[in-house]
């Protein structure tokens, strides 16, 4: 899929609020128990590169960010609006599977080219 365990764990832990994926990834890579103040993009770039990120990793993170499951608040709203967990589960599964397939396809094409 082109994503390491820290990245996948960050997406799972960010189910309540999807905007915290990158801070969780950075916190995991820095092995800290809390978020730190990062002053510039160069620091973020250095952290990601030193943990094995390539252009492929960045593309796959962007693809999966665009296509993965909605946040828990959205899933609960879907359940309340439809009156059924079925539609909330479908709303979770379809984009997640599409994101996984897109990352796998991108990874496969990249490996064929390089």
PDB file of N, CA and C in Angstrom:
ATOM      1  N   UNK A   1       0.819  -1.195   0.000  1.00  0.00           N
ATOM      2  CA  UNK A   1       0.000   0.000   0.000  1.00  0.00           C
ATOM      3  C   UNK A   1       0.858   1.253   0.000  1.00  0.00           C
ATOM      4  N   UNK A   2       2.106   1.114   0.377  1.00  0.00           N
ATOM      5  CA  UNK A   2       3.003   2.263   0.367  1.00  0.00           C
ATOM      6  C   UNK A   2       2.949   3.120   1.612  1.00  0.00           C
ATOM      7  N   UNK A   3       2.290   2.647   2.655  1.00  0.00           N
ATOM      8  CA  UNK A   3       2.196   3.395   3.916  1.00  0.00           C
ATOM      9  C   UNK A   3       2.726   2.518   5.042  1.00  0.00           C
ATOM     10  N   UNK A   4       3.504   3.121   5.944  1.00  0.00           N
ATOM     11  CA  UNK A   4       4.038   2.328   7.050  1.00  0.00           C
ATOM     12  C   UNK A   4       3.022   2.215   8.192  1.00  0.00           C
ATOM     13  N   UNK A   5       3.376   1.464   9.197  1.00  0.00           N
ATOM     14  CA  UNK A   5       2.480   1.220  10.322  1.00  0.00           C
ATOM     15  C   UNK A   5       2.119   2.473  11.103  1.00  0.00           C
ATOM     16  N   UNK A   6       3.056   3.410  11.224  1.00  0.00           N
ATOM     17  CA  UNK A   6       2.765   4.663  11.925  1.00  0.00           C
ATOM     18  C   UNK A   6       1.678   5.450  11.195  1.00  0.00           C
ATOM     19  N   UNK A   7       1.761   5.468   9.879  1.00  0.00           N
ATOM     20  CA  UNK A   7       0.792   6.222   9.089  1.00  0.00           C
ATOM     21  C   UNK A   7      -0.588   5.579   9.202  1.00  0.00           C
ATOM     22  N   UNK A   8      -0.650   4.269   9.049  1.00  0.00           N
ATOM     23  CA  UNK A   8      -1.938   3.577   9.145  1.00  0.00           C
ATOM     24  C   UNK A   8      -2.539   3.710  10.540  1.00  0.00           C
ATOM     25  N   UNK A   9      -1.699   3.617  11.565  1.00  0.00           N
ATOM     26  CA  UNK A   9      -2.173   3.798  12.936  1.00  0.00           C
ATOM     27  C   UNK A   9      -2.702   5.209  13.147  1.00  0.00           C
ATOM     28  N   UNK A  10      -2.029   6.195  12.570  1.00  0.00           N
ATOM     29  CA  UNK A  10      -2.483   7.581  12.697  1.00  0.00           C
ATOM     30  C   UNK A  10      -3.864   7.763  12.077  1.00  0.00           C
ATOM     31  N   UNK A  11      -4.104   7.135  10.938  1.00  0.00           N
ATOM     32  CA  UNK A  11      -5.432   7.242  10.320  1.00  0.00           C
ATOM     33  C   UNK A  11      -6.499   6.604  11.202  1.00  0.00           C
ATOM     34  N   UNK A  12      -6.183   5.483  11.823  1.00  0.00           N
ATOM     35  CA  UNK A  12      -7.146   4.823  12.705  1.00  0.00           C
ATOM     36  C   UNK A  12      -7.407   5.677  13.947  1.00  0.00           C
ATOM     37  N   UNK A  13      -6.338   6.194  14.553  1.00  0.00           N
ATOM     38  CA  UNK A  13      -6.490   7.012  15.757  1.00  0.00           C
ATOM     39  C   UNK A  13      -7.175   8.342  15.480  1.00  0.00           C
ATOM     40  N   UNK A  14      -7.139   8.784  14.223  1.00  0.00           N
ATOM     41  CA  UNK A  14      -7.745  10.063  13.860  1.00  0.00           C
ATOM     42  C   UNK A  14      -9.208   9.912  13.467  1.00  0.00           C
ATOM     43  N   UNK A  15      -9.822   8.781  13.745  1.00  0.00           N
ATOM     44  CA  UNK A  15     -11.233   8.596  13.422  1.00  0.00           C
ATOM     45  C   UNK A  15     -12.118   9.693  14.026  1.00  0.00           C
ATOM     46  N   UNK A  16     -11.880  10.146  15.262  1.00  0.00           N
ATOM     47  CA  UNK A  16     -12.717  11.225  15.791  1.00  0.00           C
ATOM     48  C   UNK A  16     -12.564  12.550  15.031  1.00  0.00           C
ATOM     49  N   UNK A  17     -11.389  12.833  14.522  1.00  0.00           N
ATOM     50  CA  UNK A  17     -11.155  14.090  13.801  1.00  0.00           C
ATOM     51  C   UNK A  17     -10.014  13.870  12.807  1.00  0.00           C
ATOM     52  N   UNK A  18     -10.339  13.816  11.540  1.00  0.00           N
ATOM     53  CA  UNK A  18      -9.355  13.470  10.512  1.00  0.00           C
ATOM     54  C   UNK A  18      -8.205  14.465  10.385  1.00  0.00           C
ATOM     55  N   UNK A  19      -8.385  15.680  10.869  1.00  0.00           N
ATOM     56  CA  UNK A  19      -7.320  16.675  10.723  1.00  0.00           C
ATOM     57  C   UNK A  19      -6.124  16.439  11.638  1.00  0.00           C
ATOM     58  N   UNK A  20      -6.205  15.456  12.516  1.00  0.00           N
ATOM     59  CA  UNK A  20      -5.083  15.195  13.415  1.00  0.00           C
ATOM     60  C   UNK A  20      -4.172  14.071  12.929  1.00  0.00           C
ATOM     61  N   UNK A  21      -4.330  13.635  11.677  1.00  0.00           N
ATOM     62  CA  UNK A  21      -3.501  12.554  11.147  1.00  0.00           C
ATOM     63  C   UNK A  21      -2.029  12.950  11.151  1.00  0.00           C
ATOM     64  N   UNK A  22      -1.682  14.057  10.532  1.00  0.00           N
ATOM     65  CA  UNK A  22      -0.275  14.455  10.450  1.00  0.00           C
ATOM     66  C   UNK A  22       0.345  14.713  11.830  1.00  0.00           C
ATOM     67  N   UNK A  23      -0.333  15.408  12.746  1.00  0.00           N
ATOM     68  CA  UNK A  23       0.274  15.540  14.083  1.00  0.00           C
ATOM     69  C   UNK A  23       0.522  14.200  14.774  1.00  0.00           C
ATOM     70  N   UNK A  24      -0.370  13.228  14.581  1.00  0.00           N
ATOM     71  CA  UNK A  24      -0.154  11.907  15.185  1.00  0.00           C
ATOM     72  C   UNK A  24       1.047  11.230  14.538  1.00  0.00           C
ATOM     73  N   UNK A  25       1.172  11.344  13.209  1.00  0.00           N
ATOM     74  CA  UNK A  25       2.335  10.765  12.522  1.00  0.00           C
ATOM     75  C   UNK A  25       3.622  11.382  13.049  1.00  0.00           C
ATOM     76  N   UNK A  26       3.670  12.695  13.140  1.00  0.00           N
ATOM     77  CA  UNK A  26       4.880  13.377  13.621  1.00  0.00           C
ATOM     78  C   UNK A  26       5.192  12.989  15.063  1.00  0.00           C
ATOM     79  N   UNK A  27       4.163  12.936  15.900  1.00  0.00           N
ATOM     80  CA  UNK A  27       4.370  12.563  17.300  1.00  0.00           C
ATOM     81  C   UNK A  27       4.906  11.135  17.399  1.00  0.00           C
ATOM     82  N   UNK A  28       4.392  10.247  16.547  1.00  0.00           N
ATOM     83  CA  UNK A  28       4.865   8.855  16.555  1.00  0.00           C
ATOM     84  C   UNK A  28       6.317   8.766  16.112  1.00  0.00           C
ATOM     85  N   UNK A  29       6.663   9.471  15.057  1.00  0.00           N
ATOM     86  CA  UNK A  29       8.034   9.433  14.558  1.00  0.00           C
ATOM     87  C   UNK A  29       9.019  10.030  15.565  1.00  0.00           C
ATOM     88  N   UNK A  30       8.590  11.033  16.293  1.00  0.00           N
ATOM     89  CA  UNK A  30       9.479  11.673  17.256  1.00  0.00           C
ATOM     90  C   UNK A  30       9.481  10.931  18.589  1.00  0.00           C
ATOM     91  N   UNK A  31       8.658   9.873  18.685  1.00  0.00           N
ATOM     92  CA  UNK A  31       8.563   9.042  19.891  1.00  0.00           C
ATOM     93  C   UNK A  31       8.292   9.866  21.136  1.00  0.00           C
ATOM     94  N   UNK A  32       7.495  10.890  20.967  1.00  0.00           N
ATOM     95  CA  UNK A  32       7.129  11.728  22.096  1.00  0.00           C
ATOM     96  C   UNK A  32       5.714  11.445  22.538  1.00  0.00           C
ATOM     97  N   UNK A  33       5.427  11.758  23.751  1.00  0.00           N
ATOM     98  CA  UNK A  33       4.087  11.558  24.275  1.00  0.00           C
ATOM     99  C   UNK A  33       3.201  12.765  24.089  1.00  0.00           C
ATOM    100  N   UNK A  34       3.751  13.816  23.512  1.00  0.00           N
ATOM    101  CA  UNK A  34       2.944  15.013  23.311  1.00  0.00           C
ATOM    102  C   UNK A  34       3.343  15.708  22.017  1.00  0.00           C
ATOM    103  N   UNK A  35       2.488  16.596  21.584  1.00  0.00           N
ATOM    104  CA  UNK A  35       2.788  17.364  20.384  1.00  0.00           C
ATOM    105  C   UNK A  35       3.740  18.493  20.737  1.00  0.00           C
ATOM    106  N   UNK A  36       4.631  18.786  19.829  1.00  0.00           N
ATOM    107  CA  UNK A  36       5.592  19.854  20.063  1.00  0.00           C
ATOM    108  C   UNK A  36       5.354  20.969  19.051  1.00  0.00           C
ATOM    109  N   UNK A  37       5.881  22.108  19.358  1.00  0.00           N
ATOM    110  CA  UNK A  37       5.771  23.245  18.453  1.00  0.00           C
ATOM    111  C   UNK A  37       6.847  23.109  17.377  1.00  0.00           C
ATOM    112  N   UNK A  38       6.425  22.980  16.140  1.00  0.00           N
ATOM    113  CA  UNK A  38       7.360  22.927  15.026  1.00  0.00           C
ATOM    114  C   UNK A  38       7.267  24.259  14.301  1.00  0.00           C
ATOM    115  N   UNK A  39       8.396  24.912  14.167  1.00  0.00           N
ATOM    116  CA  UNK A  39       8.414  26.279  13.682  1.00  0.00           C
ATOM    117  C   UNK A  39       8.301  26.429  12.173  1.00  0.00           C
ATOM    118  N   UNK A  40       8.821  25.476  11.403  1.00  0.00           N
ATOM    119  CA  UNK A  40       8.813  25.659   9.953  1.00  0.00           C
ATOM    120  C   UNK A  40       8.632  24.336   9.220  1.00  0.00           C
ATOM    121  N   UNK A  41       8.371  24.436   7.931  1.00  0.00           N
ATOM    122  CA  UNK A  41       8.146  23.242   7.122  1.00  0.00           C
ATOM    123  C   UNK A  41       9.406  22.411   6.938  1.00  0.00           C
ATOM    124  N   UNK A  42      10.566  23.039   7.043  1.00  0.00           N
ATOM    125  CA  UNK A  42      11.819  22.304   6.909  1.00  0.00           C
ATOM    126  C   UNK A  42      11.948  21.262   8.016  1.00  0.00           C
ATOM    127  N   UNK A  43      11.534  21.602   9.217  1.00  0.00           N
ATOM    128  CA  UNK A  43      11.584  20.648  10.337  1.00  0.00           C
ATOM    129  C   UNK A  43      10.679  19.458  10.075  1.00  0.00           C
ATOM    130  N   UNK A  44       9.470  19.722   9.575  1.00  0.00           N
ATOM    131  CA  UNK A  44       8.550  18.637   9.255  1.00  0.00           C
ATOM    132  C   UNK A  44       9.133  17.767   8.151  1.00  0.00           C
ATOM    133  N   UNK A  45       9.673  18.395   7.132  1.00  0.00           N
ATOM    134  CA  UNK A  45      10.282  17.669   6.014  1.00  0.00           C
ATOM    135  C   UNK A  45      11.415  16.777   6.500  1.00  0.00           C
ATOM    136  N   UNK A  46      12.271  17.302   7.357  1.00  0.00           N
ATOM    137  CA  UNK A  46      13.395  16.520   7.883  1.00  0.00           C
ATOM    138  C   UNK A  46      12.927  15.315   8.698  1.00  0.00           C
ATOM    139  N   UNK A  47      11.876  15.497   9.494  1.00  0.00           N
ATOM    140  CA  UNK A  47      11.337  14.393  10.297  1.00  0.00           C
ATOM    141  C   UNK A  47      10.801  13.299   9.384  1.00  0.00           C
ATOM    142  N   UNK A  48      10.036  13.693   8.370  1.00  0.00           N
ATOM    143  CA  UNK A  48       9.429  12.709   7.474  1.00  0.00           C
ATOM    144  C   UNK A  48      10.480  11.983   6.638  1.00  0.00           C
ATOM    145  N   UNK A  49      11.425  12.713   6.090  1.00  0.00           N
ATOM    146  CA  UNK A  49      12.479  12.098   5.264  1.00  0.00           C
ATOM    147  C   UNK A  49      13.345  11.165   6.101  1.00  0.00           C
ATOM    148  N   UNK A  50      13.667  11.577   7.326  1.00  0.00           N
ATOM    149  CA  UNK A  50      14.506  10.721   8.179  1.00  0.00           C
ATOM    150  C   UNK A  50      13.777   9.447   8.605  1.00  0.00           C
ATOM    151  N   UNK A  51      12.464   9.418   8.453  1.00  0.00           N
ATOM    152  CA  UNK A  51      11.691   8.216   8.769  1.00  0.00           C
ATOM    153  C   UNK A  51      11.268   7.455   7.526  1.00  0.00           C
ATOM    154  N   UNK A  52      11.972   7.686   6.424  1.00  0.00           N
ATOM    155  CA  UNK A  52      11.804   6.861   5.239  1.00  0.00           C
ATOM    156  C   UNK A  52      10.776   7.324   4.226  1.00  0.00           C
ATOM    157  N   UNK A  53      10.263   8.537   4.389  1.00  0.00           N
ATOM    158  CA  UNK A  53       9.280   9.022   3.427  1.00  0.00           C
ATOM    159  C   UNK A  53       9.944   9.300   2.092  1.00  0.00           C
ATOM    160  N   UNK A  54       9.255   8.920   1.030  1.00  0.00           N
ATOM    161  CA  UNK A  54       9.674   9.232  -0.331  1.00  0.00           C
ATOM    162  C   UNK A  54       8.520   9.980  -0.991  1.00  0.00           C
ATOM    163  N   UNK A  55       8.707  10.333  -2.256  1.00  0.00           N
ATOM    164  CA  UNK A  55       7.623  10.990  -2.985  1.00  0.00           C
ATOM    165  C   UNK A  55       6.421  10.057  -3.069  1.00  0.00           C
ATOM    166  N   UNK A  56       6.671   8.748  -3.185  1.00  0.00           N
ATOM    167  CA  UNK A  56       5.584   7.766  -3.234  1.00  0.00           C
ATOM    168  C   UNK A  56       4.791   7.757  -1.931  1.00  0.00           C
ATOM    169  N   UNK A  57       5.485   7.803  -0.807  1.00  0.00           N
ATOM    170  CA  UNK A  57       4.815   7.840   0.487  1.00  0.00           C
ATOM    171  C   UNK A  57       3.930   9.073   0.588  1.00  0.00           C
ATOM    172  N   UNK A  58       4.451  10.224   0.189  1.00  0.00           N
ATOM    173  CA  UNK A  58       3.682  11.463   0.257  1.00  0.00           C
ATOM    174  C   UNK A  58       2.442  11.397  -0.638  1.00  0.00           C
ATOM    175  N   UNK A  59       2.592  10.853  -1.839  1.00  0.00           N
ATOM    176  CA  UNK A  59       1.448  10.730  -2.750  1.00  0.00           C
ATOM    177  C   UNK A  59       0.400   9.783  -2.165  1.00  0.00           C
ATOM    178  N   UNK A  60       0.844   8.660  -1.616  1.00  0.00           N
ATOM    179  CA  UNK A  60      -0.102   7.706  -1.034  1.00  0.00           C
ATOM    180  C   UNK A  60      -0.809   8.265   0.197  1.00  0.00           C
ATOM    181  N   UNK A  61      -0.112   9.049   1.002  1.00  0.00           N
ATOM    182  CA  UNK A  61      -0.762   9.684   2.157  1.00  0.00           C
ATOM    183  C   UNK A  61      -1.814  10.667   1.670  1.00  0.00           C
ATOM    184  N   UNK A  62      -1.483  11.440   0.643  1.00  0.00           N
ATOM    185  CA  UNK A  62      -2.472  12.387   0.100  1.00  0.00           C
ATOM    186  C   UNK A  62      -3.674  11.653  -0.484  1.00  0.00           C
ATOM    187  N   UNK A  63      -3.430  10.587  -1.246  1.00  0.00           N
ATOM    188  CA  UNK A  63      -4.530   9.817  -1.822  1.00  0.00           C
ATOM    189  C   UNK A  63      -5.419   9.213  -0.736  1.00  0.00           C
ATOM    190  N   UNK A  64      -4.790   8.603   0.248  1.00  0.00           N
ATOM    191  CA  UNK A  64      -5.578   7.972   1.304  1.00  0.00           C
ATOM    192  C   UNK A  64      -6.306   9.014   2.140  1.00  0.00           C
ATOM    193  N   UNK A  65      -5.707  10.189   2.330  1.00  0.00           N
ATOM    194  CA  UNK A  65      -6.379  11.268   3.060  1.00  0.00           C
ATOM    195  C   UNK A  65      -7.639  11.721   2.332  1.00  0.00           C
ATOM    196  N   UNK A  66      -7.557  11.762   1.018  1.00  0.00           N
ATOM    197  CA  UNK A  66      -8.714  12.181   0.225  1.00  0.00           C
ATOM    198  C   UNK A  66      -9.809  11.126   0.176  1.00  0.00           C
ATOM    199  N   UNK A  67      -9.434   9.867   0.260  1.00  0.00           N
ATOM    200  CA  UNK A  67     -10.382   8.811  -0.044  1.00  0.00           C
ATOM    201  C   UNK A  67     -10.765   7.918   1.134  1.00  0.00           C
ATOM    202  N   UNK A  68     -10.231   8.137   2.312  1.00  0.00           N
ATOM    203  CA  UNK A  68     -10.520   7.209   3.405  1.00  0.00           C
ATOM    204  C   UNK A  68     -11.844   7.552   4.100  1.00  0.00           C
ATOM    205  N   UNK A  69     -12.152   6.790   5.124  1.00  0.00           N
ATOM    206  CA  UNK A  69     -13.396   6.899   5.870  1.00  0.00           C
ATOM    207  C   UNK A  69     -13.632   8.299   6.441  1.00  0.00           C
ATOM    208  N   UNK A  70     -14.911   8.687   6.565  1.00  0.00           N
ATOM    209  CA  UNK A  70     -15.216   9.976   7.195  1.00  0.00           C
ATOM    210  C   UNK A  70     -14.990   9.901   8.704  1.00  0.00           C
ATOM    211  N   UNK A  71     -14.991  11.059   9.344  1.00  0.00           N
ATOM    212  CA  UNK A  71     -14.768  11.099  10.794  1.00  0.00           C
ATOM    213  C   UNK A  71     -15.972  10.504  11.524  1.00  0.00           C
ATOM    214  N   UNK A  72     -15.789  10.226  12.790  1.00  0.00           N
ATOM    215  CA  UNK A  72     -16.834   9.570  13.578  1.00  0.00           C
ATOM    216  C   UNK A  72     -18.088  10.419  13.687  1.00  0.00           C
ATOM    217  N   UNK A  73     -17.947  11.738  13.761  1.00  0.00           N
ATOM    218  CA  UNK A  73     -19.115  12.614  13.844  1.00  0.00           C
ATOM    219  C   UNK A  73     -19.977  12.477  12.600  1.00  0.00           C
ATOM    220  N   UNK A  74     -19.345  12.403  11.439  1.00  0.00           N
ATOM    221  CA  UNK A  74     -20.075  12.219  10.191  1.00  0.00           C
ATOM    222  C   UNK A  74     -20.764  10.862  10.168  1.00  0.00           C
ATOM    223  N   UNK A  75     -20.069   9.827  10.612  1.00  0.00           N
ATOM    224  CA  UNK A  75     -20.666   8.494  10.638  1.00  0.00           C
ATOM    225  C   UNK A  75     -21.879   8.447  11.575  1.00  0.00           C
ATOM    226  N   UNK A  76     -21.777   9.094  12.718  1.00  0.00           N
ATOM    227  CA  UNK A  76     -22.903   9.142  13.660  1.00  0.00           C
ATOM    228  C   UNK A  76     -24.059   9.946  13.067  1.00  0.00           C
ATOM    229  N   UNK A  77     -23.746  11.028  12.361  1.00  0.00           N
ATOM    230  CA  UNK A  77     -24.791  11.819  11.706  1.00  0.00           C
ATOM    231  C   UNK A  77     -25.501  11.000  10.628  1.00  0.00           C
ATOM    232  N   UNK A  78     -24.742  10.218   9.878  1.00  0.00           N
ATOM    233  CA  UNK A  78     -25.340   9.352   8.851  1.00  0.00           C
ATOM    234  C   UNK A  78     -26.274   8.346   9.507  1.00  0.00           C
ATOM    235  N   UNK A  79     -25.838   7.783  10.624  1.00  0.00           N
ATOM    236  CA  UNK A  79     -26.676   6.818  11.343  1.00  0.00           C
ATOM    237  C   UNK A  79     -27.958   7.485  11.826  1.00  0.00           C
ATOM    238  N   UNK A  80     -27.850   8.686  12.377  1.00  0.00           N
ATOM    239  CA  UNK A  80     -29.040   9.382  12.883  1.00  0.00           C
ATOM    240  C   UNK A  80     -29.991   9.771  11.753  1.00  0.00           C
ATOM    241  N   UNK A  81     -29.435  10.239  10.639  1.00  0.00           N
ATOM    242  CA  UNK A  81     -30.271  10.669   9.517  1.00  0.00           C
ATOM    243  C   UNK A  81     -30.978   9.498   8.842  1.00  0.00           C
ATOM    244  N   UNK A  82     -30.288   8.386   8.700  1.00  0.00           N
ATOM    245  CA  UNK A  82     -30.884   7.233   8.010  1.00  0.00           C
ATOM    246  C   UNK A  82     -31.601   6.288   8.958  1.00  0.00           C
ATOM    247  N   UNK A  83     -31.286   6.385  10.244  1.00  0.00           N
ATOM    248  CA  UNK A  83     -31.900   5.497  11.223  1.00  0.00           C
ATOM    249  C   UNK A  83     -31.340   4.086  11.199  1.00  0.00           C
ATOM    250  N   UNK A  84     -30.192   3.918  10.560  1.00  0.00           N
ATOM    251  CA  UNK A  84     -29.621   2.584  10.429  1.00  0.00           C
ATOM    252  C   UNK A  84     -28.101   2.656  10.431  1.00  0.00           C
ATOM    253  N   UNK A  85     -27.475   1.688  11.111  1.00  0.00           N
ATOM    254  CA  UNK A  85     -26.013   1.603  11.086  1.00  0.00           C
ATOM    255  C   UNK A  85     -25.522   1.096   9.741  1.00  0.00           C
ATOM    256  N   UNK A  86     -26.410   0.460   8.970  1.00  0.00           N
ATOM    257  CA  UNK A  86     -26.024  -0.097   7.677  1.00  0.00           C
ATOM    258  C   UNK A  86     -25.395   0.974   6.782  1.00  0.00           C
ATOM    259  N   UNK A  87     -26.029   2.130   6.685  1.00  0.00           N
ATOM    260  CA  UNK A  87     -25.521   3.182   5.807  1.00  0.00           C
ATOM    261  C   UNK A  87     -24.253   3.819   6.354  1.00  0.00           C
ATOM    262  N   UNK A  88     -24.131   3.891   7.657  1.00  0.00           N
ATOM    263  CA  UNK A  88     -22.895   4.413   8.255  1.00  0.00           C
ATOM    264  C   UNK A  88     -21.733   3.473   7.972  1.00  0.00           C
ATOM    265  N   UNK A  89     -21.990   2.175   8.063  1.00  0.00           N
ATOM    266  CA  UNK A  89     -20.942   1.176   7.793  1.00  0.00           C
ATOM    267  C   UNK A  89     -20.554   1.205   6.319  1.00  0.00           C
ATOM    268  N   UNK A  90     -21.560   1.307   5.446  1.00  0.00           N
ATOM    269  CA  UNK A  90     -21.273   1.402   4.009  1.00  0.00           C
ATOM    270  C   UNK A  90     -20.474   2.674   3.714  1.00  0.00           C
ATOM    271  N   UNK A  91     -20.822   3.763   4.393  1.00  0.00           N
ATOM    272  CA  UNK A  91     -20.087   5.030   4.216  1.00  0.00           C
ATOM    273  C   UNK A  91     -18.660   4.938   4.715  1.00  0.00           C
ATOM    274  N   UNK A  92     -18.392   4.011   5.604  1.00  0.00           N
ATOM    275  CA  UNK A  92     -17.039   3.770   6.099  1.00  0.00           C
ATOM    276  C   UNK A  92     -16.268   2.861   5.137  1.00  0.00           C
ATOM    277  N   UNK A  93     -16.915   1.800   4.695  1.00  0.00           N
ATOM    278  CA  UNK A  93     -16.229   0.762   3.916  1.00  0.00           C
ATOM    279  C   UNK A  93     -15.893   1.209   2.494  1.00  0.00           C
ATOM    280  N   UNK A  94     -16.848   1.795   1.784  1.00  0.00           N
ATOM    281  CA  UNK A  94     -16.632   2.116   0.371  1.00  0.00           C
ATOM    282  C   UNK A  94     -15.453   3.070   0.161  1.00  0.00           C
ATOM    283  N   UNK A  95     -15.397   4.234   0.838  1.00  0.00           N
ATOM    284  CA  UNK A  95     -14.245   5.105   0.595  1.00  0.00           C
ATOM    285  C   UNK A  95     -12.926   4.509   1.085  1.00  0.00           C
ATOM    286  N   UNK A  96     -12.970   3.732   2.159  1.00  0.00           N
ATOM    287  CA  UNK A  96     -11.745   3.122   2.671  1.00  0.00           C
ATOM    288  C   UNK A  96     -11.185   2.110   1.674  1.00  0.00           C
ATOM    289  N   UNK A  97     -12.047   1.273   1.125  1.00  0.00           N
ATOM    290  CA  UNK A  97     -11.608   0.300   0.120  1.00  0.00           C
ATOM    291  C   UNK A  97     -11.085   1.027  -1.118  1.00  0.00           C
ATOM    292  N   UNK A  98     -11.773   2.083  -1.545  1.00  0.00           N
ATOM    293  CA  UNK A  98     -11.306   2.858  -2.704  1.00  0.00           C
ATOM    294  C   UNK A  98      -9.931   3.478  -2.430  1.00  0.00           C
ATOM    295  N   UNK A  99      -9.725   4.001  -1.214  1.00  0.00           N
ATOM    296  CA  UNK A  99      -8.427   4.564  -0.849  1.00  0.00           C
ATOM    297  C   UNK A  99      -7.326   3.523  -0.840  1.00  0.00           C
ATOM    298  N   UNK A 100      -7.618   2.356  -0.300  1.00  0.00           N
ATOM    299  CA  UNK A 100      -6.629   1.277  -0.267  1.00  0.00           C
ATOM    300  C   UNK A 100      -6.271   0.851  -1.687  1.00  0.00           C
ATOM    301  N   UNK A 101      -7.301   0.674  -2.524  1.00  0.00           N
ATOM    302  CA  UNK A 101      -7.047   0.265  -3.907  1.00  0.00           C
ATOM    303  C   UNK A 101      -6.263   1.319  -4.681  1.00  0.00           C
ATOM    304  N   UNK A 102      -6.587   2.595  -4.466  1.00  0.00           N
ATOM    305  CA  UNK A 102      -5.859   3.671  -5.147  1.00  0.00           C
ATOM    306  C   UNK A 102      -4.392   3.683  -4.725  1.00  0.00           C
ATOM    307  N   UNK A 103      -4.126   3.492  -3.430  1.00  0.00           N
ATOM    308  CA  UNK A 103      -2.747   3.454  -2.944  1.00  0.00           C
ATOM    309  C   UNK A 103      -2.003   2.235  -3.496  1.00  0.00           C
ATOM    310  N   UNK A 104      -2.680   1.110  -3.542  1.00  0.00           N
ATOM    311  CA  UNK A 104      -2.043  -0.097  -4.073  1.00  0.00           C
ATOM    312  C   UNK A 104      -1.750   0.060  -5.562  1.00  0.00           C
ATOM    313  N   UNK A 105      -2.674   0.663  -6.301  1.00  0.00           N
ATOM    314  CA  UNK A 105      -2.471   0.899  -7.725  1.00  0.00           C
ATOM    315  C   UNK A 105      -1.314   1.866  -7.956  1.00  0.00           C
ATOM    316  N   UNK A 106      -1.285   2.940  -7.200  1.00  0.00           N
ATOM    317  CA  UNK A 106      -0.193   3.911  -7.314  1.00  0.00           C
ATOM    318  C   UNK A 106       1.135   3.263  -6.981  1.00  0.00           C
ATOM    319  N   UNK A 107       1.162   2.483  -5.918  1.00  0.00           N
ATOM    320  CA  UNK A 107       2.383   1.784  -5.507  1.00  0.00           C
ATOM    321  C   UNK A 107       2.840   0.816  -6.588  1.00  0.00           C
ATOM    322  N   UNK A 108       1.896   0.072  -7.161  1.00  0.00           N
ATOM    323  CA  UNK A 108       2.237  -0.883  -8.215  1.00  0.00           C
ATOM    324  C   UNK A 108       2.778  -0.208  -9.473  1.00  0.00           C
ATOM    325  N   UNK A 109       2.134   0.874  -9.898  1.00  0.00           N
ATOM    326  CA  UNK A 109       2.597   1.606 -11.079  1.00  0.00           C
ATOM    327  C   UNK A 109       3.975   2.198 -10.830  1.00  0.00           C
ATOM    328  N   UNK A 110       4.182   2.760  -9.648  1.00  0.00           N
ATOM    329  CA  UNK A 110       5.484   3.351  -9.309  1.00  0.00           C
ATOM    330  C   UNK A 110       6.578   2.284  -9.340  1.00  0.00           C
ATOM    331  N   UNK A 111       6.294   1.118  -8.802  1.00  0.00           N
ATOM    332  CA  UNK A 111       7.287   0.041  -8.774  1.00  0.00           C
ATOM    333  C   UNK A 111       7.568  -0.510 -10.158  1.00  0.00           C
ATOM    334  N   UNK A 112       6.588  -0.459 -11.066  1.00  0.00           N
ATOM    335  CA  UNK A 112       6.840  -0.871 -12.447  1.00  0.00           C
ATOM    336  C   UNK A 112       7.725   0.128 -13.182  1.00  0.00           C
ATOM    337  N   UNK A 113       7.549   1.395 -12.885  1.00  0.00           N
ATOM    338  CA  UNK A 113       8.322   2.453 -13.564  1.00  0.00           C
ATOM    339  C   UNK A 113       9.736   2.521 -13.024  1.00  0.00           C
ATOM    340  N   UNK A 114       9.881   2.431 -11.725  1.00  0.00           N
ATOM    341  CA  UNK A 114      11.197   2.596 -11.099  1.00  0.00           C
ATOM    342  C   UNK A 114      11.890   1.317 -10.922  1.00  0.00           C
TER     343      UNK A 114
END
